[in-house]
Amino acid sequence: MKPIAALIATTLLAAPAFAGGPTSTAPEPTVMPEAAPYVAPGLDWGGAYAGAQLGYGDTNSNVAAGDGYGTLGGIYGGYRWDMGDWVAGTEASWQKSGIDLGTTAGDGIDNLTTLQITAGREIGNSLVYGALGAAHANATLAGGADHSGNGWAYGLGVDYAISDRWTVGGEVLQHKFNSFDSTGTDLDLTKVTAKLGLRF
C-alpha cells in the first residue's frame, strides 16, 4: 500500500504545476512622450495701422532758391500683410511743412504727400523695411506764387512694437521732383521722421 500512497501524494503535489492557472507578469514600462520644445509665438504685423509723425527736412536744388530746411509733422496710415518672417504693405502720409526755400520771404514747401509700398523683414519685435512710391508737394515760390509738383520717393524705415497695438519707429525718405511744376527747378528733399503708430 505504501507505493500506492506515495503515487497519490506525488500526483496531488504536482497537480498545481499543470493546472494552467494564471501566472503573474511584470508590468510593461510606461514610456512618456518627449515634450515638444516651446516656440514663442511671433508678432503678427498684419492689418491696418495709423499714427502721427514728426521730422526734419532738407532740400537741395539746381537753383539757389530751392535750397532750404525745416520741420514737418503730420499723419500716416496703411495696411500690412504678414507672411511669416517677411511683411509687405502700403502706406499713405500727409505732412504740413515748415521748410523754408530761397531768399524770398514766404517761399517754402507747404505740405508733402506720399503713397508708397513697403517690404521688410521681422527681427524680434522690430520690422525693418524699404519703401518706394510716389510723392506730391505744394509749395510757394517766386515771392508768393503757388506751385504743386509730382515726384517719387524711396528710403528705409524701422518700426518697433512696444505692445500688441502700439509701435514707435523712424524713417528716412528721399524725394525727387524733376522740373517742379514745369518751373525747371529740380528739387531733392531728404526727410527724417519719428513715428508713433497704433495697430488695429
N, C-alpha and C. Protein backbone atom coordinates (compact mmCIF):
# COMPACT_ATOMS: atom_id res chain seq x y z
N MET A 1 0.83 -1.21 0.00
CA MET A 1 0.00 0.00 0.00
C MET A 1 0.85 1.24 0.00
N LYS A 2 2.09 1.10 0.50
CA LYS A 2 2.91 2.30 0.55
C LYS A 2 3.22 2.88 -0.81
N PRO A 3 3.52 2.02 -1.82
CA PRO A 3 3.78 2.60 -3.13
C PRO A 3 2.58 3.32 -3.70
N ILE A 4 1.39 2.81 -3.47
CA ILE A 4 0.18 3.47 -3.98
C ILE A 4 -0.04 4.81 -3.30
N ALA A 5 0.17 4.87 -1.99
CA ALA A 5 0.01 6.13 -1.26
C ALA A 5 1.03 7.15 -1.70
N ALA A 6 2.27 6.67 -1.97
CA ALA A 6 3.31 7.62 -2.44
C ALA A 6 2.96 8.18 -3.79
N LEU A 7 2.37 7.35 -4.67
CA LEU A 7 2.00 7.80 -6.00
C LEU A 7 0.89 8.84 -5.94
N ILE A 8 -0.09 8.58 -5.07
CA ILE A 8 -1.20 9.53 -4.92
C ILE A 8 -0.70 10.87 -4.39
N ALA A 9 0.20 10.80 -3.39
CA ALA A 9 0.73 12.05 -2.81
C ALA A 9 1.52 12.83 -3.82
N THR A 10 2.32 12.11 -4.64
CA THR A 10 3.13 12.79 -5.67
C THR A 10 2.23 13.46 -6.71
N THR A 11 1.16 12.78 -7.10
CA THR A 11 0.23 13.33 -8.09
C THR A 11 -0.46 14.57 -7.56
N LEU A 12 -0.89 14.55 -6.29
CA LEU A 12 -1.58 15.70 -5.72
C LEU A 12 -0.65 16.91 -5.61
N LEU A 13 0.62 16.66 -5.28
CA LEU A 13 1.57 17.78 -5.16
C LEU A 13 1.93 18.37 -6.51
N ALA A 14 1.98 17.55 -7.56
CA ALA A 14 2.37 18.03 -8.90
C ALA A 14 1.21 18.66 -9.64
N ALA A 15 -0.04 18.44 -9.22
CA ALA A 15 -1.21 18.92 -9.95
C ALA A 15 -1.23 20.43 -10.16
N PRO A 16 -0.88 21.24 -9.14
CA PRO A 16 -0.94 22.70 -9.38
C PRO A 16 -0.01 23.17 -10.48
N ALA A 17 1.12 22.43 -10.69
CA ALA A 17 2.06 22.86 -11.74
C ALA A 17 1.48 22.68 -13.11
N PHE A 18 0.51 21.76 -13.28
CA PHE A 18 -0.07 21.51 -14.61
C PHE A 18 -1.47 22.10 -14.74
N ALA A 19 -1.89 22.85 -13.75
CA ALA A 19 -3.26 23.35 -13.78
C ALA A 19 -3.47 24.44 -14.82
N GLY A 20 -2.42 25.10 -15.29
CA GLY A 20 -2.56 26.16 -16.29
C GLY A 20 -3.18 27.41 -15.74
N GLY A 21 -3.05 27.61 -14.46
CA GLY A 21 -3.63 28.80 -13.83
C GLY A 21 -2.88 30.06 -14.24
N PRO A 22 -3.44 31.21 -13.88
CA PRO A 22 -2.79 32.48 -14.24
C PRO A 22 -1.45 32.62 -13.55
N THR A 23 -0.56 33.21 -14.30
CA THR A 23 0.77 33.50 -13.76
C THR A 23 0.98 35.00 -13.78
N SER A 24 1.64 35.51 -12.80
CA SER A 24 1.87 36.96 -12.71
C SER A 24 3.03 37.35 -13.62
N THR A 25 2.87 38.50 -14.33
CA THR A 25 3.93 39.03 -15.21
C THR A 25 4.26 40.46 -14.79
N ALA A 26 5.48 40.84 -15.07
CA ALA A 26 5.90 42.21 -14.72
C ALA A 26 5.18 43.22 -15.63
N PRO A 27 4.70 44.34 -15.08
CA PRO A 27 4.01 45.34 -15.92
C PRO A 27 4.96 45.96 -16.94
N GLU A 28 4.39 46.33 -18.13
CA GLU A 28 5.17 46.99 -19.17
C GLU A 28 5.58 48.38 -18.70
N PRO A 29 6.83 48.74 -18.93
CA PRO A 29 7.24 50.10 -18.51
C PRO A 29 6.49 51.17 -19.29
N THR A 30 6.11 52.25 -18.60
CA THR A 30 5.41 53.36 -19.24
C THR A 30 6.41 54.30 -19.89
N VAL A 31 6.21 54.59 -21.19
CA VAL A 31 7.11 55.47 -21.93
C VAL A 31 6.41 56.82 -22.09
N MET A 32 6.98 57.86 -21.49
CA MET A 32 6.40 59.20 -21.59
C MET A 32 6.91 59.89 -22.85
N PRO A 33 6.01 60.45 -23.69
CA PRO A 33 6.48 61.14 -24.89
C PRO A 33 7.25 62.40 -24.52
N GLU A 34 8.26 62.70 -25.33
CA GLU A 34 9.05 63.91 -25.09
C GLU A 34 8.21 65.16 -25.38
N ALA A 35 8.32 66.13 -24.49
CA ALA A 35 7.58 67.38 -24.69
C ALA A 35 8.18 68.15 -25.87
N ALA A 36 7.30 68.70 -26.70
CA ALA A 36 7.78 69.49 -27.84
C ALA A 36 8.44 70.77 -27.32
N PRO A 37 9.52 71.20 -27.95
CA PRO A 37 10.17 72.43 -27.50
C PRO A 37 9.24 73.64 -27.64
N TYR A 38 9.29 74.54 -26.67
CA TYR A 38 8.44 75.73 -26.70
C TYR A 38 8.97 76.72 -27.72
N VAL A 39 8.07 77.18 -28.58
CA VAL A 39 8.42 78.20 -29.57
C VAL A 39 7.54 79.41 -29.31
N ALA A 40 8.15 80.52 -28.99
CA ALA A 40 7.38 81.73 -28.70
C ALA A 40 6.64 82.19 -29.94
N PRO A 41 5.37 82.54 -29.81
CA PRO A 41 4.61 82.99 -30.98
C PRO A 41 5.19 84.29 -31.54
N GLY A 42 5.29 84.37 -32.87
CA GLY A 42 5.82 85.58 -33.50
C GLY A 42 4.80 86.71 -33.46
N LEU A 43 5.30 87.91 -33.59
CA LEU A 43 4.43 89.07 -33.61
C LEU A 43 3.74 89.16 -34.96
N ASP A 44 2.44 89.37 -34.95
CA ASP A 44 1.68 89.49 -36.19
C ASP A 44 1.61 90.96 -36.59
N TRP A 45 2.31 91.31 -37.70
CA TRP A 45 2.32 92.68 -38.18
C TRP A 45 1.18 92.96 -39.16
N GLY A 46 0.38 91.96 -39.45
CA GLY A 46 -0.69 92.13 -40.43
C GLY A 46 -1.82 93.02 -39.92
N GLY A 47 -2.49 93.71 -40.85
CA GLY A 47 -3.65 94.53 -40.51
C GLY A 47 -3.42 96.01 -40.75
N ALA A 48 -4.43 96.78 -40.40
CA ALA A 48 -4.40 98.22 -40.61
C ALA A 48 -3.70 98.93 -39.45
N TYR A 49 -3.17 100.10 -39.74
CA TYR A 49 -2.50 100.90 -38.72
C TYR A 49 -2.57 102.38 -39.11
N ALA A 50 -2.36 103.25 -38.14
CA ALA A 50 -2.35 104.70 -38.37
C ALA A 50 -1.53 105.34 -37.27
N GLY A 51 -1.11 106.59 -37.51
CA GLY A 51 -0.32 107.25 -36.49
C GLY A 51 0.06 108.67 -36.85
N ALA A 52 0.95 109.23 -36.05
CA ALA A 52 1.44 110.59 -36.23
C ALA A 52 2.95 110.57 -36.38
N GLN A 53 3.47 111.55 -37.07
CA GLN A 53 4.92 111.62 -37.29
C GLN A 53 5.40 113.07 -37.22
N LEU A 54 6.65 113.19 -36.82
CA LEU A 54 7.28 114.50 -36.69
C LEU A 54 8.72 114.35 -37.17
N GLY A 55 9.17 115.34 -37.98
CA GLY A 55 10.51 115.18 -38.51
C GLY A 55 11.14 116.46 -39.01
N TYR A 56 12.20 116.23 -39.77
CA TYR A 56 13.03 117.32 -40.29
C TYR A 56 13.29 117.06 -41.77
N GLY A 57 13.26 118.13 -42.57
CA GLY A 57 13.51 118.00 -43.99
C GLY A 57 14.58 118.98 -44.47
N ASP A 58 15.34 118.53 -45.45
CA ASP A 58 16.39 119.36 -46.04
C ASP A 58 16.30 119.24 -47.55
N THR A 59 16.32 120.37 -48.25
CA THR A 59 16.18 120.36 -49.70
C THR A 59 17.44 120.86 -50.39
N ASN A 60 17.67 120.30 -51.58
CA ASN A 60 18.73 120.75 -52.46
C ASN A 60 18.15 120.91 -53.85
N SER A 61 18.66 121.86 -54.60
CA SER A 61 18.10 122.14 -55.91
C SER A 61 19.18 122.58 -56.88
N ASN A 62 18.80 122.62 -58.16
CA ASN A 62 19.72 123.12 -59.17
C ASN A 62 19.72 124.65 -59.24
N VAL A 63 18.86 125.27 -58.43
CA VAL A 63 18.86 126.73 -58.32
C VAL A 63 18.95 127.11 -56.85
N ALA A 64 19.52 128.26 -56.57
CA ALA A 64 19.73 128.68 -55.18
C ALA A 64 18.42 128.80 -54.41
N ALA A 65 17.35 129.17 -55.12
CA ALA A 65 16.07 129.38 -54.46
C ALA A 65 15.43 128.08 -53.99
N GLY A 66 16.02 126.93 -54.36
CA GLY A 66 15.44 125.66 -53.95
C GLY A 66 16.12 125.00 -52.77
N ASP A 67 17.10 125.67 -52.17
CA ASP A 67 17.80 125.10 -51.02
C ASP A 67 17.17 125.60 -49.72
N GLY A 68 16.91 124.69 -48.80
CA GLY A 68 16.32 125.09 -47.53
C GLY A 68 16.16 123.92 -46.58
N TYR A 69 15.59 124.20 -45.42
CA TYR A 69 15.38 123.16 -44.41
C TYR A 69 14.28 123.61 -43.46
N GLY A 70 13.78 122.66 -42.68
CA GLY A 70 12.73 122.98 -41.72
C GLY A 70 12.08 121.73 -41.17
N THR A 71 11.06 121.91 -40.36
CA THR A 71 10.38 120.79 -39.72
C THR A 71 9.15 120.36 -40.51
N LEU A 72 8.71 119.13 -40.24
CA LEU A 72 7.49 118.59 -40.83
C LEU A 72 6.73 117.83 -39.75
N GLY A 73 5.42 117.77 -39.91
CA GLY A 73 4.61 116.99 -38.98
C GLY A 73 3.29 116.64 -39.61
N GLY A 74 2.78 115.44 -39.31
CA GLY A 74 1.52 115.04 -39.92
C GLY A 74 1.05 113.67 -39.49
N ILE A 75 0.28 113.06 -40.36
CA ILE A 75 -0.36 111.78 -40.07
C ILE A 75 -0.02 110.76 -41.16
N TYR A 76 -0.20 109.49 -40.83
CA TYR A 76 0.02 108.44 -41.81
C TYR A 76 -0.87 107.25 -41.48
N GLY A 77 -1.05 106.37 -42.45
CA GLY A 77 -1.83 105.16 -42.24
C GLY A 77 -1.58 104.17 -43.36
N GLY A 78 -1.87 102.90 -43.09
CA GLY A 78 -1.64 101.90 -44.11
C GLY A 78 -2.16 100.54 -43.72
N TYR A 79 -1.73 99.56 -44.50
CA TYR A 79 -2.15 98.18 -44.26
C TYR A 79 -0.97 97.27 -44.59
N ARG A 80 -0.77 96.23 -43.76
CA ARG A 80 0.33 95.29 -43.96
C ARG A 80 -0.19 93.86 -44.03
N TRP A 81 0.58 93.04 -44.78
CA TRP A 81 0.33 91.60 -44.88
C TRP A 81 1.53 90.88 -44.29
N ASP A 82 1.29 90.07 -43.24
CA ASP A 82 2.35 89.33 -42.57
C ASP A 82 2.46 87.95 -43.23
N MET A 83 3.65 87.65 -43.78
CA MET A 83 3.88 86.37 -44.46
C MET A 83 4.95 85.56 -43.74
N GLY A 84 4.94 85.61 -42.43
CA GLY A 84 5.95 84.92 -41.65
C GLY A 84 7.06 85.87 -41.26
N ASP A 85 8.27 85.59 -41.73
CA ASP A 85 9.38 86.49 -41.44
C ASP A 85 9.33 87.76 -42.28
N TRP A 86 8.58 87.73 -43.38
CA TRP A 86 8.53 88.86 -44.32
C TRP A 86 7.18 89.54 -44.24
N VAL A 87 7.20 90.86 -44.40
CA VAL A 87 5.99 91.67 -44.29
C VAL A 87 5.96 92.67 -45.45
N ALA A 88 4.82 92.80 -46.11
CA ALA A 88 4.64 93.75 -47.20
C ALA A 88 3.43 94.63 -46.89
N GLY A 89 3.41 95.83 -47.47
CA GLY A 89 2.28 96.72 -47.20
C GLY A 89 2.24 97.94 -48.08
N THR A 90 1.24 98.75 -47.84
CA THR A 90 1.09 100.04 -48.49
C THR A 90 0.87 101.10 -47.41
N GLU A 91 1.33 102.32 -47.68
CA GLU A 91 1.20 103.39 -46.69
C GLU A 91 1.05 104.73 -47.37
N ALA A 92 0.18 105.56 -46.82
CA ALA A 92 -0.01 106.94 -47.28
C ALA A 92 0.27 107.88 -46.12
N SER A 93 0.85 109.04 -46.43
CA SER A 93 1.13 110.01 -45.37
C SER A 93 0.91 111.43 -45.90
N TRP A 94 0.57 112.31 -44.99
CA TRP A 94 0.43 113.74 -45.30
C TRP A 94 1.12 114.51 -44.19
N GLN A 95 1.95 115.49 -44.60
CA GLN A 95 2.69 116.28 -43.61
C GLN A 95 2.63 117.77 -43.95
N LYS A 96 2.35 118.56 -42.93
CA LYS A 96 2.48 120.01 -43.03
C LYS A 96 3.95 120.35 -42.90
N SER A 97 4.41 121.26 -43.75
CA SER A 97 5.85 121.52 -43.79
C SER A 97 6.16 122.96 -43.41
N GLY A 98 7.28 123.09 -42.70
CA GLY A 98 7.82 124.41 -42.40
C GLY A 98 9.17 124.62 -43.06
N ILE A 99 9.41 123.90 -44.17
CA ILE A 99 10.69 124.02 -44.87
C ILE A 99 10.73 125.33 -45.63
N ASP A 100 11.70 126.14 -45.33
CA ASP A 100 11.88 127.45 -45.98
C ASP A 100 12.74 127.27 -47.23
N LEU A 101 12.38 127.96 -48.31
CA LEU A 101 13.11 127.87 -49.57
C LEU A 101 13.55 129.25 -50.03
N GLY A 102 14.79 129.34 -50.47
CA GLY A 102 15.25 130.56 -51.13
C GLY A 102 15.42 131.74 -50.20
N THR A 103 15.58 132.87 -50.81
CA THR A 103 15.84 134.11 -50.09
C THR A 103 14.63 135.00 -49.98
N THR A 104 13.55 134.67 -50.68
CA THR A 104 12.34 135.49 -50.63
C THR A 104 11.46 135.04 -49.48
N ALA A 105 11.02 135.99 -48.67
CA ALA A 105 10.18 135.66 -47.52
C ALA A 105 8.89 134.98 -47.97
N GLY A 106 8.52 133.90 -47.29
CA GLY A 106 7.29 133.19 -47.61
C GLY A 106 7.46 132.03 -48.55
N ASP A 107 8.61 131.92 -49.22
CA ASP A 107 8.82 130.79 -50.12
C ASP A 107 9.15 129.54 -49.30
N GLY A 108 8.52 128.41 -49.67
CA GLY A 108 8.79 127.18 -48.94
C GLY A 108 7.89 126.05 -49.37
N ILE A 109 8.16 124.87 -48.85
CA ILE A 109 7.29 123.71 -49.05
C ILE A 109 6.13 123.82 -48.07
N ASP A 110 4.90 123.84 -48.60
CA ASP A 110 3.73 123.98 -47.73
C ASP A 110 3.28 122.65 -47.14
N ASN A 111 3.19 121.62 -47.96
CA ASN A 111 2.82 120.29 -47.47
C ASN A 111 3.36 119.23 -48.42
N LEU A 112 3.41 118.01 -47.91
CA LEU A 112 4.01 116.90 -48.65
C LEU A 112 3.15 115.66 -48.45
N THR A 113 2.83 114.98 -49.56
CA THR A 113 2.04 113.76 -49.52
C THR A 113 2.82 112.64 -50.19
N THR A 114 2.82 111.46 -49.58
CA THR A 114 3.48 110.31 -50.19
C THR A 114 2.54 109.10 -50.16
N LEU A 115 2.66 108.27 -51.19
CA LEU A 115 1.96 106.99 -51.27
C LEU A 115 3.00 105.96 -51.66
N GLN A 116 3.25 104.99 -50.79
CA GLN A 116 4.37 104.09 -51.00
C GLN A 116 4.01 102.65 -50.70
N ILE A 117 4.77 101.76 -51.32
CA ILE A 117 4.70 100.35 -50.98
C ILE A 117 5.91 100.03 -50.11
N THR A 118 5.74 99.10 -49.19
CA THR A 118 6.83 98.75 -48.27
C THR A 118 7.01 97.23 -48.26
N ALA A 119 8.23 96.81 -48.01
CA ALA A 119 8.53 95.39 -47.85
C ALA A 119 9.69 95.27 -46.88
N GLY A 120 9.57 94.35 -45.93
CA GLY A 120 10.63 94.23 -44.93
C GLY A 120 10.63 92.91 -44.22
N ARG A 121 11.52 92.81 -43.25
CA ARG A 121 11.72 91.57 -42.50
C ARG A 121 11.52 91.82 -41.01
N GLU A 122 10.85 90.87 -40.38
CA GLU A 122 10.62 90.93 -38.94
C GLU A 122 11.86 90.40 -38.22
N ILE A 123 12.37 91.18 -37.28
CA ILE A 123 13.52 90.77 -36.47
C ILE A 123 13.13 91.00 -35.01
N GLY A 124 12.75 89.92 -34.33
CA GLY A 124 12.25 90.06 -32.96
C GLY A 124 10.98 90.89 -32.95
N ASN A 125 10.95 91.94 -32.15
CA ASN A 125 9.80 92.84 -32.11
C ASN A 125 9.94 94.01 -33.07
N SER A 126 10.93 93.95 -33.95
CA SER A 126 11.17 95.05 -34.89
C SER A 126 10.83 94.62 -36.31
N LEU A 127 10.47 95.60 -37.12
CA LEU A 127 10.24 95.40 -38.54
C LEU A 127 11.12 96.40 -39.29
N VAL A 128 12.08 95.88 -40.05
CA VAL A 128 12.97 96.71 -40.85
C VAL A 128 12.50 96.63 -42.29
N TYR A 129 12.28 97.77 -42.95
CA TYR A 129 11.65 97.74 -44.27
C TYR A 129 12.25 98.78 -45.21
N GLY A 130 12.03 98.53 -46.48
CA GLY A 130 12.33 99.50 -47.52
C GLY A 130 11.04 100.06 -48.09
N ALA A 131 11.10 101.26 -48.65
CA ALA A 131 9.90 101.91 -49.16
C ALA A 131 10.17 102.52 -50.54
N LEU A 132 9.17 102.47 -51.40
CA LEU A 132 9.26 103.05 -52.73
C LEU A 132 7.87 103.52 -53.14
N GLY A 133 7.76 104.77 -53.64
CA GLY A 133 6.44 105.25 -54.01
C GLY A 133 6.44 106.60 -54.68
N ALA A 134 5.26 107.19 -54.73
CA ALA A 134 5.03 108.48 -55.38
C ALA A 134 4.93 109.58 -54.34
N ALA A 135 5.31 110.79 -54.76
CA ALA A 135 5.27 111.94 -53.85
C ALA A 135 4.61 113.13 -54.55
N HIS A 136 3.95 113.96 -53.76
CA HIS A 136 3.33 115.19 -54.26
C HIS A 136 3.60 116.30 -53.25
N ALA A 137 3.97 117.46 -53.73
CA ALA A 137 4.27 118.59 -52.84
C ALA A 137 3.58 119.85 -53.34
N ASN A 138 3.11 120.66 -52.40
CA ASN A 138 2.62 122.00 -52.68
C ASN A 138 3.64 122.99 -52.10
N ALA A 139 3.96 124.01 -52.88
CA ALA A 139 4.99 124.96 -52.46
C ALA A 139 4.62 126.37 -52.87
N THR A 140 5.21 127.32 -52.17
CA THR A 140 5.11 128.74 -52.51
C THR A 140 6.47 129.18 -53.01
N LEU A 141 6.53 129.65 -54.24
CA LEU A 141 7.79 130.03 -54.86
C LEU A 141 7.70 131.42 -55.49
N ALA A 142 8.84 131.97 -55.78
CA ALA A 142 8.94 133.25 -56.51
C ALA A 142 8.12 134.35 -55.86
N GLY A 143 8.29 134.48 -54.56
CA GLY A 143 7.65 135.59 -53.87
C GLY A 143 6.15 135.47 -53.70
N GLY A 144 5.61 134.24 -53.63
CA GLY A 144 4.19 134.09 -53.33
C GLY A 144 3.39 133.29 -54.32
N ALA A 145 3.99 132.81 -55.41
CA ALA A 145 3.26 132.02 -56.40
C ALA A 145 3.09 130.58 -55.89
N ASP A 146 1.88 130.06 -56.04
CA ASP A 146 1.60 128.69 -55.60
C ASP A 146 1.95 127.70 -56.70
N HIS A 147 2.64 126.66 -56.31
CA HIS A 147 3.02 125.60 -57.26
C HIS A 147 2.79 124.25 -56.60
N SER A 148 2.60 123.23 -57.46
CA SER A 148 2.50 121.85 -56.97
C SER A 148 3.19 120.95 -57.98
N GLY A 149 3.82 119.91 -57.48
CA GLY A 149 4.56 119.01 -58.35
C GLY A 149 4.54 117.58 -57.88
N ASN A 150 4.70 116.67 -58.83
CA ASN A 150 4.73 115.24 -58.53
C ASN A 150 6.15 114.70 -58.70
N GLY A 151 6.47 113.74 -57.89
CA GLY A 151 7.78 113.11 -57.97
C GLY A 151 7.71 111.70 -57.43
N TRP A 152 8.83 111.20 -56.96
CA TRP A 152 8.87 109.86 -56.39
C TRP A 152 9.75 109.86 -55.15
N ALA A 153 9.59 108.81 -54.36
CA ALA A 153 10.29 108.74 -53.08
C ALA A 153 10.77 107.31 -52.82
N TYR A 154 11.86 107.21 -52.08
CA TYR A 154 12.38 105.90 -51.69
C TYR A 154 13.15 106.06 -50.38
N GLY A 155 13.27 104.97 -49.65
CA GLY A 155 14.01 105.06 -48.39
C GLY A 155 13.90 103.82 -47.54
N LEU A 156 14.29 103.97 -46.28
CA LEU A 156 14.32 102.88 -45.31
C LEU A 156 13.62 103.29 -44.03
N GLY A 157 13.12 102.30 -43.30
CA GLY A 157 12.47 102.59 -42.02
C GLY A 157 12.52 101.40 -41.09
N VAL A 158 12.17 101.64 -39.85
CA VAL A 158 12.09 100.58 -38.85
C VAL A 158 10.96 100.90 -37.89
N ASP A 159 10.18 99.90 -37.54
CA ASP A 159 9.13 100.01 -36.53
C ASP A 159 9.44 99.02 -35.41
N TYR A 160 9.16 99.42 -34.18
CA TYR A 160 9.36 98.56 -33.02
C TYR A 160 8.05 98.48 -32.24
N ALA A 161 7.60 97.25 -31.96
CA ALA A 161 6.34 97.05 -31.23
C ALA A 161 6.61 97.13 -29.73
N ILE A 162 6.05 98.17 -29.09
CA ILE A 162 6.19 98.31 -27.65
C ILE A 162 5.06 97.59 -26.91
N SER A 163 4.02 97.18 -27.67
CA SER A 163 2.93 96.37 -27.13
C SER A 163 2.25 95.70 -28.31
N ASP A 164 1.13 95.01 -28.05
CA ASP A 164 0.41 94.36 -29.13
C ASP A 164 -0.16 95.36 -30.13
N ARG A 165 -0.36 96.60 -29.70
CA ARG A 165 -1.02 97.57 -30.58
C ARG A 165 -0.18 98.81 -30.89
N TRP A 166 0.72 99.20 -30.01
CA TRP A 166 1.47 100.44 -30.20
C TRP A 166 2.88 100.18 -30.74
N THR A 167 3.29 101.05 -31.66
CA THR A 167 4.62 100.95 -32.24
C THR A 167 5.29 102.33 -32.24
N VAL A 168 6.61 102.32 -32.19
CA VAL A 168 7.41 103.53 -32.40
C VAL A 168 8.39 103.20 -33.52
N GLY A 169 8.81 104.22 -34.24
CA GLY A 169 9.71 103.95 -35.35
C GLY A 169 10.34 105.20 -35.92
N GLY A 170 11.11 104.98 -36.94
CA GLY A 170 11.78 106.06 -37.64
C GLY A 170 11.89 105.74 -39.11
N GLU A 171 12.00 106.78 -39.92
CA GLU A 171 12.04 106.59 -41.36
C GLU A 171 12.88 107.69 -42.01
N VAL A 172 13.63 107.30 -43.03
CA VAL A 172 14.40 108.24 -43.84
C VAL A 172 13.95 108.07 -45.28
N LEU A 173 13.41 109.13 -45.88
CA LEU A 173 12.94 109.08 -47.26
C LEU A 173 13.61 110.16 -48.09
N GLN A 174 13.96 109.79 -49.30
CA GLN A 174 14.49 110.74 -50.28
C GLN A 174 13.40 111.00 -51.32
N HIS A 175 13.06 112.29 -51.52
CA HIS A 175 12.06 112.68 -52.51
C HIS A 175 12.75 113.40 -53.67
N LYS A 176 12.31 113.08 -54.88
CA LYS A 176 12.89 113.72 -56.06
C LYS A 176 11.79 114.30 -56.92
N PHE A 177 11.91 115.59 -57.23
CA PHE A 177 10.97 116.29 -58.11
C PHE A 177 11.77 116.89 -59.26
N ASN A 178 11.54 116.38 -60.46
CA ASN A 178 12.24 116.89 -61.64
C ASN A 178 11.39 117.98 -62.29
N SER A 179 11.99 119.15 -62.51
CA SER A 179 11.30 120.31 -63.07
C SER A 179 9.98 120.54 -62.34
N PHE A 180 10.08 120.90 -61.07
CA PHE A 180 8.93 121.05 -60.19
C PHE A 180 7.89 121.98 -60.80
N ASP A 181 6.70 121.44 -61.06
CA ASP A 181 5.58 122.19 -61.64
C ASP A 181 6.00 122.92 -62.92
N SER A 182 6.83 122.26 -63.73
CA SER A 182 7.30 122.81 -65.02
C SER A 182 8.03 124.13 -64.87
N THR A 183 8.64 124.35 -63.71
CA THR A 183 9.39 125.60 -63.49
C THR A 183 10.86 125.45 -63.89
N GLY A 184 11.28 124.22 -64.19
CA GLY A 184 12.69 123.99 -64.48
C GLY A 184 13.53 123.78 -63.24
N THR A 185 12.91 123.81 -62.07
CA THR A 185 13.62 123.61 -60.81
C THR A 185 13.57 122.14 -60.42
N ASP A 186 14.74 121.51 -60.35
CA ASP A 186 14.83 120.14 -59.85
C ASP A 186 15.04 120.19 -58.34
N LEU A 187 14.15 119.52 -57.63
CA LEU A 187 14.15 119.63 -56.18
C LEU A 187 14.33 118.25 -55.54
N ASP A 188 15.33 118.12 -54.68
CA ASP A 188 15.54 116.90 -53.89
C ASP A 188 15.27 117.22 -52.42
N LEU A 189 14.45 116.40 -51.80
CA LEU A 189 14.08 116.61 -50.40
C LEU A 189 14.40 115.36 -49.61
N THR A 190 15.24 115.47 -48.59
CA THR A 190 15.52 114.37 -47.67
C THR A 190 14.74 114.60 -46.39
N LYS A 191 13.97 113.60 -46.01
CA LYS A 191 13.08 113.72 -44.85
C LYS A 191 13.41 112.64 -43.83
N VAL A 192 13.59 113.04 -42.57
CA VAL A 192 13.83 112.12 -41.46
C VAL A 192 12.71 112.32 -40.45
N THR A 193 11.97 111.26 -40.14
CA THR A 193 10.82 111.39 -39.25
C THR A 193 10.83 110.34 -38.15
N ALA A 194 10.27 110.72 -37.00
CA ALA A 194 9.97 109.79 -35.90
C ALA A 194 8.47 109.51 -35.95
N LYS A 195 8.09 108.25 -35.70
CA LYS A 195 6.70 107.85 -35.88
C LYS A 195 6.15 107.15 -34.64
N LEU A 196 4.89 107.42 -34.35
CA LEU A 196 4.14 106.74 -33.30
C LEU A 196 2.89 106.16 -33.94
N GLY A 197 2.72 104.83 -33.86
CA GLY A 197 1.62 104.19 -34.56
C GLY A 197 0.73 103.34 -33.66
N LEU A 198 -0.51 103.14 -34.13
CA LEU A 198 -1.50 102.31 -33.46
C LEU A 198 -1.98 101.28 -34.45
N ARG A 199 -1.86 100.00 -34.09
CA ARG A 199 -2.30 98.90 -34.94
C ARG A 199 -3.70 98.47 -34.55
N PHE A 200 -4.53 98.24 -35.57
CA PHE A 200 -5.94 97.87 -35.33
C PHE A 200 -6.15 96.38 -35.44
